[in-house]
């Protein structure tokens, strides 16, 4: 696969995690009044990181179908610098 394809695939999977983190944060905010932008940013980052970690683990150890929750069911294939 091309380098551009893998690059775009990595962006999709990263942005899907960020979007999920943002959505979870907004859902949490429905029940809790959060006025601090710093707290909202920290929550969004934390939820996005946990979301990515959980579904990446599930993709590797349970079923590759969990990759769809990261935006695409196939992780990018990187070539090593020497190859």
Protein backbone atom coordinates (compact mmCIF):
# COMPACT_ATOMS: atom_id res chain seq x y z
CA UNK A 1 0.00 0.00 0.00
CA UNK A 2 1.15 3.50 -0.63
CA UNK A 3 2.68 5.79 1.94
CA UNK A 4 -0.09 8.36 1.34
CA UNK A 5 -2.79 5.74 1.95
CA UNK A 6 -1.22 4.69 5.26
CA UNK A 7 -0.80 8.32 6.29
CA UNK A 8 -4.46 9.11 5.57
CA UNK A 9 -5.54 5.93 7.33
CA UNK A 10 -3.58 6.92 10.44
CA UNK A 11 -5.25 10.35 10.39
CA UNK A 12 -8.73 8.82 10.13
CA UNK A 13 -8.07 6.51 13.07
CA UNK A 14 -6.65 9.38 15.16
CA UNK A 15 -9.51 11.75 14.35
CA UNK A 16 -12.10 9.06 15.11
CA UNK A 17 -10.64 8.71 18.62
CA UNK A 18 -10.63 12.47 19.14
CA UNK A 19 -14.25 12.71 17.97
CA UNK A 20 -15.27 9.90 20.31
CA UNK A 21 -13.49 11.60 23.21
CA UNK A 22 -15.26 14.86 22.43
CA UNK A 23 -18.66 13.14 22.22
CA UNK A 24 -18.17 11.36 25.54
CA UNK A 25 -17.08 14.62 27.17
CA UNK A 26 -20.19 16.38 25.86
CA UNK A 27 -22.37 13.56 27.17
CA UNK A 28 -20.73 13.84 30.60
CA UNK A 29 -21.28 17.59 30.57
CA UNK A 30 -25.03 17.09 30.17
CA UNK A 31 -25.23 15.99 33.78
CA UNK A 32 -22.36 18.02 35.22
CA UNK A 33 -21.74 21.74 34.81
CA UNK A 34 -18.10 22.19 33.74
CA UNK A 35 -17.02 25.80 33.28
CA UNK A 36 -13.29 25.37 32.95
CA UNK A 37 -11.91 25.00 29.43
CA UNK A 38 -8.88 23.27 30.91
CA UNK A 39 -11.05 20.60 32.53
CA UNK A 40 -13.01 20.06 29.31
CA UNK A 41 -9.77 19.74 27.33
CA UNK A 42 -8.32 17.31 29.86
CA UNK A 43 -11.48 15.18 29.86
CA UNK A 44 -11.63 15.12 26.06
CA UNK A 45 -7.99 14.08 25.82
CA UNK A 46 -8.38 11.42 28.49
CA UNK A 47 -11.52 9.93 26.97
CA UNK A 48 -9.95 9.95 23.48
CA UNK A 49 -6.82 8.19 24.73
CA UNK A 50 -8.80 5.57 26.64
CA UNK A 51 -11.16 5.05 23.70
CA UNK A 52 -8.25 4.48 21.32
CA UNK A 53 -6.41 2.18 23.75
CA UNK A 54 -9.47 0.03 24.47
CA UNK A 55 -10.50 -0.47 20.86
CA UNK A 56 -6.94 -0.90 19.60
CA UNK A 57 -6.45 -3.63 22.23
CA UNK A 58 -9.77 -5.22 21.24
CA UNK A 59 -8.77 -5.04 17.56
CA UNK A 60 -5.50 -6.85 18.25
CA UNK A 61 -6.67 -9.42 20.79
CA UNK A 62 -10.38 -10.06 20.23
CA UNK A 63 -11.43 -9.31 16.65
CA UNK A 64 -10.24 -7.09 13.84
CA UNK A 65 -13.84 -5.85 13.53
CA UNK A 66 -13.24 -3.54 16.49
CA UNK A 67 -11.04 -1.48 14.17
CA UNK A 68 -14.19 0.00 12.62
CA UNK A 69 -14.74 1.87 15.88
CA UNK A 70 -11.44 3.60 15.15
CA UNK A 71 -12.62 4.74 11.74
CA UNK A 72 -11.31 1.86 9.63
CA UNK A 73 -10.91 -1.85 10.34
CA UNK A 74 -7.30 -2.04 9.23
CA UNK A 75 -4.39 -0.38 11.00
CA UNK A 76 -1.78 1.41 8.87
CA UNK A 77 1.14 -0.75 7.72
CA UNK A 78 4.37 1.10 8.30
CA UNK A 79 7.64 0.10 6.69
CA UNK A 80 10.75 0.31 8.79
CA UNK A 81 13.29 2.96 7.81
CA UNK A 82 15.77 0.35 6.63
CA UNK A 83 13.36 -1.61 4.46
